Amino acid sequence: MKALKVLGLVAVAFVMTSGSLFAQTAPTTSVLSGKGIGFGLAMALTIVGAAYGFGKIGAAALESMARQPEVAPRIQTAMIIIAAMLEGATLASVILAYLVGNGASF
């Protein structure tokens, strides 16, 4: 049922944004082109994956701190290091998606 709601929301967003696309007089580059859609999906999947990862890190750290409060400082340090590494990978992925989406040549 959740997937059906998300699919409906995507369909509504697509219909709402396509009106201005058809109102253009001169043929221009479309935001809804394959490159633009791929760029948006790549960034969205990266951010969703990072959010899921941060949630898992936080949940596991809090659970382990609740079980063994005496090692909480070490767990917190490890959690911050892992979160920083995840944030770095996320930022690199978003920058790469942005560069590829704007047609950068390497």
N, C-alpha and C. Protein backbone atom coordinates (compact mmCIF):
# COMPACT_ATOMS: atom_id res chain seq x y z
N MET A 1 0.82 -1.19 0.00
CA MET A 1 0.00 0.00 0.00
C MET A 1 0.87 1.26 0.00
N LYS A 2 2.00 1.21 0.74
CA LYS A 2 2.91 2.35 0.77
C LYS A 2 3.48 2.63 -0.61
N ALA A 3 3.87 1.57 -1.30
CA ALA A 3 4.44 1.74 -2.64
C ALA A 3 3.41 2.35 -3.58
N LEU A 4 2.16 1.99 -3.43
CA LEU A 4 1.10 2.54 -4.28
C LEU A 4 0.92 4.03 -4.00
N LYS A 5 1.03 4.43 -2.74
CA LYS A 5 0.93 5.85 -2.39
C LYS A 5 2.09 6.64 -2.98
N VAL A 6 3.29 6.09 -2.90
CA VAL A 6 4.47 6.76 -3.46
C VAL A 6 4.34 6.86 -4.97
N LEU A 7 3.89 5.80 -5.61
CA LEU A 7 3.70 5.82 -7.06
C LEU A 7 2.66 6.86 -7.46
N GLY A 8 1.60 6.96 -6.69
CA GLY A 8 0.59 7.98 -6.96
C GLY A 8 1.14 9.39 -6.80
N LEU A 9 1.95 9.59 -5.77
CA LEU A 9 2.56 10.89 -5.54
C LEU A 9 3.51 11.26 -6.68
N VAL A 10 4.27 10.31 -7.17
CA VAL A 10 5.17 10.55 -8.30
C VAL A 10 4.37 10.89 -9.54
N ALA A 11 3.27 10.18 -9.77
CA ALA A 11 2.43 10.46 -10.93
C ALA A 11 1.83 11.86 -10.85
N VAL A 12 1.38 12.26 -9.67
CA VAL A 12 0.82 13.60 -9.51
C VAL A 12 1.90 14.66 -9.74
N ALA A 13 3.09 14.45 -9.20
CA ALA A 13 4.18 15.40 -9.40
C ALA A 13 4.55 15.50 -10.88
N PHE A 14 4.54 14.39 -11.58
CA PHE A 14 4.86 14.40 -13.00
C PHE A 14 3.81 15.17 -13.79
N VAL A 15 2.55 14.95 -13.47
CA VAL A 15 1.48 15.65 -14.18
C VAL A 15 1.51 17.14 -13.87
N MET A 16 1.82 17.49 -12.62
CA MET A 16 1.85 18.90 -12.24
C MET A 16 3.00 19.64 -12.92
N THR A 17 4.12 19.00 -13.14
CA THR A 17 5.27 19.67 -13.75
C THR A 17 5.25 19.62 -15.27
N SER A 18 4.46 18.76 -15.85
CA SER A 18 4.48 18.65 -17.32
C SER A 18 3.69 19.75 -18.00
N GLY A 19 2.82 20.45 -17.30
CA GLY A 19 2.03 21.52 -17.91
C GLY A 19 2.91 22.64 -18.42
N SER A 20 3.86 23.07 -17.63
CA SER A 20 4.75 24.15 -18.06
C SER A 20 5.67 23.70 -19.18
N LEU A 21 5.94 22.42 -19.25
CA LEU A 21 6.79 21.90 -20.31
C LEU A 21 6.11 22.03 -21.67
N PHE A 22 4.81 21.77 -21.72
CA PHE A 22 4.07 21.84 -22.98
C PHE A 22 3.73 23.27 -23.35
N ALA A 23 3.87 24.23 -22.45
CA ALA A 23 3.54 25.62 -22.73
C ALA A 23 4.69 26.36 -23.39
N GLN A 24 5.83 25.75 -23.56
CA GLN A 24 6.97 26.42 -24.16
C GLN A 24 6.75 26.63 -25.65
N THR A 25 7.23 27.76 -26.15
CA THR A 25 7.05 28.04 -27.57
C THR A 25 8.23 27.56 -28.39
N ALA A 26 9.43 27.80 -27.94
CA ALA A 26 10.61 27.37 -28.70
C ALA A 26 11.14 26.07 -28.11
N PRO A 27 11.62 25.17 -28.98
CA PRO A 27 12.18 23.93 -28.43
C PRO A 27 13.48 24.20 -27.68
N THR A 28 13.48 23.87 -26.43
CA THR A 28 14.66 24.05 -25.59
C THR A 28 14.97 22.72 -24.91
N THR A 29 16.06 22.71 -24.18
CA THR A 29 16.42 21.52 -23.44
C THR A 29 15.44 21.33 -22.29
N SER A 30 14.92 20.15 -22.18
CA SER A 30 13.90 19.87 -21.17
C SER A 30 14.53 19.39 -19.87
N VAL A 31 13.94 19.83 -18.77
CA VAL A 31 14.38 19.34 -17.47
C VAL A 31 13.98 17.89 -17.30
N LEU A 32 12.94 17.47 -18.00
CA LEU A 32 12.47 16.10 -17.90
C LEU A 32 13.14 15.18 -18.92
N SER A 33 14.32 15.55 -19.39
CA SER A 33 15.05 14.70 -20.31
C SER A 33 15.65 13.52 -19.56
N GLY A 34 16.21 12.59 -20.27
CA GLY A 34 16.80 11.41 -19.64
C GLY A 34 17.93 11.76 -18.70
N LYS A 35 18.74 12.72 -19.08
CA LYS A 35 19.86 13.13 -18.24
C LYS A 35 19.35 13.78 -16.95
N GLY A 36 18.33 14.62 -17.07
CA GLY A 36 17.78 15.28 -15.89
C GLY A 36 17.12 14.31 -14.94
N ILE A 37 16.38 13.35 -15.49
CA ILE A 37 15.72 12.36 -14.64
C ILE A 37 16.76 11.46 -13.98
N GLY A 38 17.77 11.06 -14.72
CA GLY A 38 18.84 10.24 -14.15
C GLY A 38 19.59 10.98 -13.04
N PHE A 39 19.84 12.27 -13.27
CA PHE A 39 20.52 13.09 -12.27
C PHE A 39 19.68 13.18 -11.00
N GLY A 40 18.40 13.43 -11.16
CA GLY A 40 17.51 13.52 -10.00
C GLY A 40 17.40 12.21 -9.24
N LEU A 41 17.26 11.12 -9.97
CA LEU A 41 17.17 9.81 -9.32
C LEU A 41 18.47 9.45 -8.60
N ALA A 42 19.59 9.75 -9.22
CA ALA A 42 20.88 9.44 -8.57
C ALA A 42 21.04 10.21 -7.27
N MET A 43 20.70 11.48 -7.29
CA MET A 43 20.81 12.26 -6.06
C MET A 43 19.81 11.81 -5.02
N ALA A 44 18.59 11.49 -5.45
CA ALA A 44 17.57 11.06 -4.49
C ALA A 44 17.95 9.73 -3.84
N LEU A 45 18.42 8.79 -4.63
CA LEU A 45 18.82 7.50 -4.07
C LEU A 45 20.01 7.64 -3.13
N THR A 46 20.92 8.55 -3.46
CA THR A 46 22.06 8.78 -2.59
C THR A 46 21.61 9.34 -1.24
N ILE A 47 20.73 10.32 -1.27
CA ILE A 47 20.27 10.94 -0.03
C ILE A 47 19.43 9.97 0.79
N VAL A 48 18.57 9.20 0.13
CA VAL A 48 17.75 8.22 0.85
C VAL A 48 18.64 7.15 1.48
N GLY A 49 19.63 6.70 0.75
CA GLY A 49 20.56 5.70 1.29
C GLY A 49 21.34 6.23 2.48
N ALA A 50 21.76 7.49 2.40
CA ALA A 50 22.49 8.08 3.52
C ALA A 50 21.58 8.24 4.74
N ALA A 51 20.35 8.64 4.51
CA ALA A 51 19.41 8.78 5.64
C ALA A 51 19.16 7.44 6.31
N TYR A 52 19.02 6.40 5.50
CA TYR A 52 18.83 5.06 6.06
C TYR A 52 20.07 4.63 6.85
N GLY A 53 21.24 4.92 6.32
CA GLY A 53 22.49 4.59 7.01
C GLY A 53 22.64 5.33 8.33
N PHE A 54 22.32 6.61 8.33
CA PHE A 54 22.39 7.39 9.56
C PHE A 54 21.40 6.86 10.60
N GLY A 55 20.24 6.48 10.15
CA GLY A 55 19.25 5.91 11.07
C GLY A 55 19.73 4.61 11.69
N LYS A 56 20.33 3.76 10.87
CA LYS A 56 20.85 2.49 11.39
C LYS A 56 22.01 2.72 12.36
N ILE A 57 22.88 3.67 12.04
CA ILE A 57 24.00 3.97 12.93
C ILE A 57 23.49 4.46 14.27
N GLY A 58 22.56 5.41 14.24
CA GLY A 58 22.02 5.95 15.48
C GLY A 58 21.30 4.92 16.31
N ALA A 59 20.49 4.09 15.66
CA ALA A 59 19.74 3.06 16.39
C ALA A 59 20.68 2.04 17.04
N ALA A 60 21.67 1.60 16.28
CA ALA A 60 22.60 0.61 16.83
C ALA A 60 23.43 1.20 17.96
N ALA A 61 23.85 2.46 17.81
CA ALA A 61 24.66 3.08 18.85
C ALA A 61 23.84 3.28 20.14
N LEU A 62 22.62 3.75 20.00
CA LEU A 62 21.79 3.95 21.19
C LEU A 62 21.46 2.64 21.88
N GLU A 63 21.21 1.61 21.09
CA GLU A 63 20.91 0.30 21.68
C GLU A 63 22.14 -0.24 22.43
N SER A 64 23.30 -0.11 21.83
CA SER A 64 24.49 -0.63 22.50
C SER A 64 24.87 0.20 23.72
N MET A 65 24.62 1.52 23.68
CA MET A 65 24.88 2.35 24.85
C MET A 65 23.90 2.03 25.98
N ALA A 66 22.68 1.67 25.64
CA ALA A 66 21.72 1.31 26.67
C ALA A 66 22.08 -0.02 27.33
N ARG A 67 22.66 -0.92 26.55
CA ARG A 67 23.05 -2.22 27.10
C ARG A 67 24.30 -2.14 27.96
N GLN A 68 25.26 -1.33 27.52
CA GLN A 68 26.53 -1.20 28.26
C GLN A 68 26.88 0.28 28.40
N PRO A 69 26.34 0.94 29.40
CA PRO A 69 26.60 2.38 29.55
C PRO A 69 28.07 2.72 29.82
N GLU A 70 28.83 1.77 30.33
CA GLU A 70 30.23 2.07 30.65
C GLU A 70 31.10 2.26 29.42
N VAL A 71 30.70 1.75 28.27
CA VAL A 71 31.49 1.92 27.04
C VAL A 71 30.85 2.95 26.11
N ALA A 72 29.94 3.75 26.62
CA ALA A 72 29.25 4.74 25.80
C ALA A 72 30.19 5.73 25.11
N PRO A 73 31.24 6.24 25.78
CA PRO A 73 32.12 7.19 25.07
C PRO A 73 32.82 6.57 23.86
N ARG A 74 33.25 5.33 23.98
CA ARG A 74 33.90 4.67 22.82
C ARG A 74 32.91 4.43 21.70
N ILE A 75 31.70 4.05 22.05
CA ILE A 75 30.67 3.82 21.03
C ILE A 75 30.33 5.12 20.32
N GLN A 76 30.23 6.21 21.10
CA GLN A 76 29.91 7.50 20.51
C GLN A 76 31.00 7.97 19.56
N THR A 77 32.26 7.75 19.94
CA THR A 77 33.37 8.12 19.06
C THR A 77 33.33 7.33 17.76
N ALA A 78 33.11 6.03 17.88
CA ALA A 78 33.03 5.20 16.68
C ALA A 78 31.84 5.60 15.81
N MET A 79 30.72 5.94 16.44
CA MET A 79 29.54 6.35 15.69
C MET A 79 29.81 7.64 14.92
N ILE A 80 30.49 8.59 15.52
CA ILE A 80 30.79 9.86 14.85
C ILE A 80 31.75 9.64 13.69
N ILE A 81 32.73 8.77 13.86
CA ILE A 81 33.68 8.48 12.77
C ILE A 81 32.96 7.82 11.60
N ILE A 82 32.11 6.84 11.89
CA ILE A 82 31.37 6.16 10.82
C ILE A 82 30.41 7.12 10.12
N ALA A 83 29.75 7.99 10.90
CA ALA A 83 28.83 8.96 10.30
C ALA A 83 29.59 9.95 9.40
N ALA A 84 30.79 10.35 9.81
CA ALA A 84 31.58 11.26 8.98
C ALA A 84 32.01 10.58 7.68
N MET A 85 32.38 9.32 7.75
CA MET A 85 32.75 8.60 6.53
C MET A 85 31.54 8.44 5.61
N LEU A 86 30.38 8.17 6.17
CA LEU A 86 29.16 8.05 5.38
C LEU A 86 28.80 9.39 4.74
N GLU A 87 28.96 10.46 5.48
CA GLU A 87 28.67 11.78 4.94
C GLU A 87 29.62 12.12 3.80
N GLY A 88 30.89 11.75 3.93
CA GLY A 88 31.86 12.00 2.86
C GLY A 88 31.51 11.23 1.59
N ALA A 89 31.13 9.98 1.75
CA ALA A 89 30.74 9.18 0.58
C ALA A 89 29.47 9.73 -0.06
N THR A 90 28.55 10.20 0.76
CA THR A 90 27.31 10.78 0.24
C THR A 90 27.60 12.05 -0.54
N LEU A 91 28.42 12.91 0.03
CA LEU A 91 28.76 14.16 -0.65
C LEU A 91 29.48 13.89 -1.96
N ALA A 92 30.39 12.94 -1.98
CA ALA A 92 31.09 12.60 -3.22
C ALA A 92 30.13 12.08 -4.28
N SER A 93 29.18 11.27 -3.86
CA SER A 93 28.19 10.74 -4.80
C SER A 93 27.28 11.83 -5.35
N VAL A 94 26.87 12.75 -4.50
CA VAL A 94 26.01 13.85 -4.95
C VAL A 94 26.77 14.75 -5.91
N ILE A 95 28.02 15.05 -5.62
CA ILE A 95 28.82 15.89 -6.52
C ILE A 95 29.03 15.20 -7.86
N LEU A 96 29.31 13.90 -7.84
CA LEU A 96 29.48 13.15 -9.08
C LEU A 96 28.19 13.14 -9.89
N ALA A 97 27.05 12.93 -9.22
CA ALA A 97 25.76 12.95 -9.94
C ALA A 97 25.51 14.33 -10.53
N TYR A 98 25.87 15.37 -9.81
CA TYR A 98 25.69 16.73 -10.31
C TYR A 98 26.56 16.97 -11.53
N LEU A 99 27.81 16.55 -11.48
CA LEU A 99 28.72 16.77 -12.60
C LEU A 99 28.27 15.99 -13.83
N VAL A 100 27.88 14.75 -13.63
CA VAL A 100 27.43 13.94 -14.77
C VAL A 100 26.11 14.48 -15.31
N GLY A 101 25.24 14.91 -14.42
CA GLY A 101 23.95 15.44 -14.84
C GLY A 101 24.06 16.73 -15.64
N ASN A 102 25.09 17.52 -15.38
CA ASN A 102 25.29 18.76 -16.12
C ASN A 102 26.20 18.59 -17.32
N GLY A 103 26.55 17.36 -17.65
CA GLY A 103 27.31 17.09 -18.86
C GLY A 103 28.79 17.39 -18.76
N ALA A 104 29.38 17.19 -17.61
CA ALA A 104 30.81 17.41 -17.47
C ALA A 104 31.57 16.33 -18.23
N SER A 105 32.68 16.71 -18.83
CA SER A 105 33.51 15.74 -19.54
C SER A 105 34.78 15.54 -18.74
N PHE A 106 35.16 14.31 -18.55
CA PHE A 106 36.33 14.00 -17.75
C PHE A 106 37.50 13.66 -18.64
